[in-house]
Amino acid sequence: MTQASADVFTAAAGHRSGLPTAAVFLPVQLATVWAMARHKGVV
């Protein structure tokens, strides 16, 4: 495997795993922060 093909593969793999991760964990983190703030009376 050449360096150029390895870079393309790594970029594609990162994009494929990064999008679902961001789509799932970002809303979960925001909901958690909101729930903690509401519980403490901040919101």
C-alpha atoms as a PDB file:
ATOM      1  CA  MET A   1       0.000   0.000   0.000  1.00  0.00           C
ATOM      2  CA  THR A   2       1.455   3.342  -1.001  1.00  0.00           C
ATOM      3  CA  GLN A   3       1.388   6.397   1.233  1.00  0.00           C
ATOM      4  CA  ALA A   4      -1.200   8.129  -0.967  1.00  0.00           C
ATOM      5  CA  SER A   5      -3.613   5.189  -0.902  1.00  0.00           C
ATOM      6  CA  ALA A   6      -3.124   4.811   2.868  1.00  0.00           C
ATOM      7  CA  ASP A   7      -4.000   8.490   3.348  1.00  0.00           C
ATOM      8  CA  VAL A   8      -7.168   8.142   1.267  1.00  0.00           C
ATOM      9  CA  PHE A   9      -8.183   5.024   3.201  1.00  0.00           C
ATOM     10  CA  THR A  10      -7.518   6.696   6.572  1.00  0.00           C
ATOM     11  CA  ALA A  11      -9.487   9.793   5.590  1.00  0.00           C
ATOM     12  CA  ALA A  12     -12.434   7.708   4.392  1.00  0.00           C
ATOM     13  CA  ALA A  13     -12.427   5.542   7.514  1.00  0.00           C
ATOM     14  CA  GLY A  14     -12.261   8.593   9.761  1.00  0.00           C
ATOM     15  CA  HIS A  15     -15.130  10.262   7.954  1.00  0.00           C
ATOM     16  CA  ARG A  16     -17.279   7.119   8.108  1.00  0.00           C
ATOM     17  CA  SER A  17     -16.782   6.680  11.837  1.00  0.00           C
ATOM     18  CA  GLY A  18     -16.742  10.379  12.730  1.00  0.00           C
ATOM     19  CA  LEU A  19     -20.118  11.362  11.329  1.00  0.00           C
ATOM     20  CA  PRO A  20     -22.204   8.811  13.271  1.00  0.00           C
ATOM     21  CA  THR A  21     -20.178   9.477  16.405  1.00  0.00           C
ATOM     22  CA  ALA A  22     -20.836  13.206  16.210  1.00  0.00           C
ATOM     23  CA  ALA A  23     -24.500  12.646  15.346  1.00  0.00           C
ATOM     24  CA  VAL A  24     -25.030  10.463  18.431  1.00  0.00           C
ATOM     25  CA  PHE A  25     -22.736  11.786  21.132  1.00  0.00           C
ATOM     26  CA  LEU A  26     -23.144  15.529  20.620  1.00  0.00           C
ATOM     27  CA  PRO A  27     -26.912  15.485  21.305  1.00  0.00           C
ATOM     28  CA  VAL A  28     -26.337  13.143  24.265  1.00  0.00           C
ATOM     29  CA  GLN A  29     -23.752  15.508  25.737  1.00  0.00           C
ATOM     30  CA  LEU A  30     -25.998  18.526  25.227  1.00  0.00           C
ATOM     31  CA  ALA A  31     -28.953  16.761  26.830  1.00  0.00           C
ATOM     32  CA  THR A  32     -26.807  15.723  29.786  1.00  0.00           C
ATOM     33  CA  VAL A  33     -25.527  19.253  30.361  1.00  0.00           C
ATOM     34  CA  TRP A  34     -29.043  20.633  30.091  1.00  0.00           C
ATOM     35  CA  ALA A  35     -30.392  18.031  32.552  1.00  0.00           C
ATOM     36  CA  MET A  36     -27.614  18.716  35.065  1.00  0.00           C
ATOM     37  CA  ALA A  37     -28.162  22.475  34.827  1.00  0.00           C
ATOM     38  CA  ARG A  38     -31.904  22.039  35.264  1.00  0.00           C
ATOM     39  CA  HIS A  39     -31.375  19.763  38.257  1.00  0.00           C
ATOM     40  CA  LYS A  40     -29.118  22.372  39.895  1.00  0.00           C
ATOM     41  CA  GLY A  41     -31.643  25.156  39.198  1.00  0.00           C
ATOM     42  CA  VAL A  42     -29.538  26.974  36.628  1.00  0.00           C
ATOM     43  CA  VAL A  43     -32.113  26.655  33.836  1.00  0.00           C
END
